Protein backbone atom coordinates (compact mmCIF):
# COMPACT_ATOMS: atom_id res chain seq x y z
CA MET A 1 125.39 77.93 100.20
CA PRO A 2 122.98 75.40 99.32
CA ALA A 3 119.98 75.61 98.23
CA ASP A 4 117.00 76.24 100.69
CA ARG A 5 114.96 73.32 100.56
CA ALA A 6 111.63 75.11 102.08
CA ALA A 7 112.08 77.61 99.84
CA LEU A 8 111.68 75.27 96.69
CA VAL A 9 109.18 73.59 97.87
CA VAL A 10 107.17 76.72 99.62
CA GLY A 11 107.54 78.86 95.83
CA GLY A 12 106.34 75.51 93.64
CA ILE A 13 103.71 75.11 96.00
CA ARG A 14 102.68 78.98 95.28
CA LEU A 15 103.82 78.80 91.37
CA ALA A 16 102.02 75.55 90.73
CA SER A 17 98.99 77.74 92.25
CA GLY A 18 99.10 80.42 90.28
CA VAL A 19 99.95 78.65 86.96
CA SER A 20 96.49 76.99 87.60
CA PHE A 21 94.42 80.17 88.37
CA LEU A 22 95.36 81.54 85.02
CA VAL A 23 95.06 79.17 82.55
CA ASP A 24 92.02 77.60 84.12
CA PRO A 25 90.65 79.83 86.74
CA LEU A 26 87.16 78.20 87.07
CA ARG A 27 88.74 74.83 87.55
CA ALA A 28 91.69 76.31 89.97
CA ASN A 29 88.42 78.27 91.58
CA LYS A 30 86.02 75.22 92.46
CA LEU A 31 89.71 73.85 94.03
CA TRP A 32 89.19 76.99 96.72
CA GLY A 33 86.47 75.97 97.16
CA ASP A 34 83.60 77.99 95.23
CA PRO A 35 81.12 75.92 93.39
CA GLY A 36 79.52 78.74 91.28
CA GLU A 37 80.38 80.11 87.40
CA PRO A 38 82.50 83.63 88.79
CA ALA A 39 81.14 86.99 87.19
CA PRO A 40 83.25 89.01 85.08
CA THR A 41 84.79 90.91 87.92
CA ALA A 42 86.09 87.87 89.59
CA LEU A 43 87.54 85.92 86.59
CA LEU A 44 89.61 89.37 86.95
CA LEU A 45 90.96 89.16 90.05
CA LEU A 46 91.38 85.56 89.69
CA HIS A 47 94.07 85.95 86.67
CA SER A 48 95.78 88.88 88.92
CA MET A 49 95.91 86.28 92.02
CA GLY A 50 97.47 83.73 89.72
CA TYR A 51 100.09 86.50 88.14
CA ARG A 52 100.54 87.36 92.03
CA ASP A 53 101.38 83.84 93.05
CA ALA A 54 103.46 82.60 90.35
CA LEU A 55 105.45 85.04 90.35
CA ILE A 56 106.37 84.98 94.00
CA GLY A 57 106.58 81.35 93.58
CA GLY A 58 109.25 81.84 91.25
CA LEU A 59 111.64 84.37 92.65
CA MET A 60 111.02 82.73 95.90
CA ILE A 61 112.67 79.37 93.48
CA ALA A 62 115.05 81.46 91.64
CA ALA A 63 116.48 83.53 95.47
CA ALA A 64 116.23 79.16 97.15
CA VAL A 65 117.97 77.81 93.82
CA ARG A 66 121.47 80.37 94.26
CA GLY A 67 120.79 79.72 97.62
CA LYS A 68 120.21 83.40 98.60
CA ASN A 69 117.83 84.46 101.82
CA THR A 70 114.72 83.36 101.11
CA ARG A 71 112.83 85.51 104.46
CA GLY A 72 111.18 88.51 102.28
CA TRP A 73 110.34 85.96 99.10
CA PHE A 74 108.62 84.27 102.62
CA LEU A 75 107.30 87.34 103.93
CA ALA A 76 105.98 88.48 100.60
CA SER A 77 103.77 85.06 100.40
CA GLY A 78 102.36 85.12 103.70
CA GLY A 79 101.85 88.68 102.84
CA ALA A 80 99.31 87.62 99.86
CA ASP A 81 97.22 85.01 102.33
CA ALA A 82 96.60 88.20 104.06
CA SER A 83 95.45 90.77 102.34
CA ASP A 84 93.23 87.52 101.03
CA LEU A 85 92.31 86.45 104.38
CA LEU A 86 91.47 90.47 105.22
CA GLY A 87 89.45 90.58 102.09
CA GLY A 88 88.20 87.44 102.91
CA MET A 89 86.54 88.32 106.26
CA ARG A 90 84.79 91.06 104.59
CA VAL A 91 82.86 88.75 102.55
CA HIS A 92 82.81 85.78 105.34
CA ASP A 93 79.00 85.88 106.11
CA ASP A 94 78.34 85.88 101.93
CA MET A 95 80.84 82.61 101.74
CA THR A 96 79.91 78.84 101.73
CA ARG A 97 81.53 77.00 104.65
CA SER A 98 83.48 75.01 101.46
CA GLN A 99 84.58 78.46 100.96
CA GLN A 100 84.92 79.80 104.73
CA LEU A 101 87.35 76.64 105.66
CA ILE A 102 88.87 76.45 101.88
CA GLY A 103 89.97 79.80 101.63
CA LEU A 104 90.23 81.10 104.83
CA GLY A 105 92.07 78.16 105.97
CA GLY A 106 94.73 78.34 103.39
CA ALA A 107 95.06 81.66 104.14
CA VAL A 108 96.04 81.29 107.19
CA VAL A 109 97.89 78.48 106.72
CA GLY A 110 99.56 80.57 104.50
CA ILE A 111 100.23 82.96 106.81
CA GLY A 112 102.21 81.14 109.47
CA VAL A 113 104.32 79.16 106.18
CA GLY A 114 105.38 82.49 105.81
CA LEU A 115 106.36 83.68 108.42
CA TRP A 116 108.09 80.45 109.71
CA GLY A 117 110.19 80.94 106.34
CA ALA A 118 110.64 84.68 107.50
CA THR A 119 111.99 84.57 110.69
CA ARG A 120 113.31 81.07 110.83
CA ARG A 121 117.56 79.80 111.54
CA ARG A 122 119.55 79.06 108.02
CA PRO A 123 122.13 77.23 108.68
CA LYS A 124 125.52 78.51 108.32
CA PRO A 125 127.51 77.45 104.72
CA ALA A 126 130.36 75.15 105.65
CA GLU A 127 133.65 76.37 105.97
CA SER A 128 136.89 75.18 103.52
CA ASP A 129 139.85 73.99 105.03
């Protein structure tokens, strides 16, 4: 079965996002709409999110390259974003407008992509003569 291009793209984005949170969590956090300096406990969560996203993205890419079913990785990706959205909704009123738009909006897009990837039809492999 050929490589799943959609999973390669989505996995690559999630892997890159995860690595950015591991390499420079302060800069990555600013890209996601938080202009302030996070507390040490927030840094712990940023690193955890980085490991999570790098793991999901890397494993999605590995499955895509091997021609394996990637639906479960799309669900894991969407589920990670759903947990981010749920947690973000608890502090919605404490967030700046940019944090609401970028952070929560990004989670909504990620959930949609995860659901799309998990429910899309994959082309059947070509039959050999």
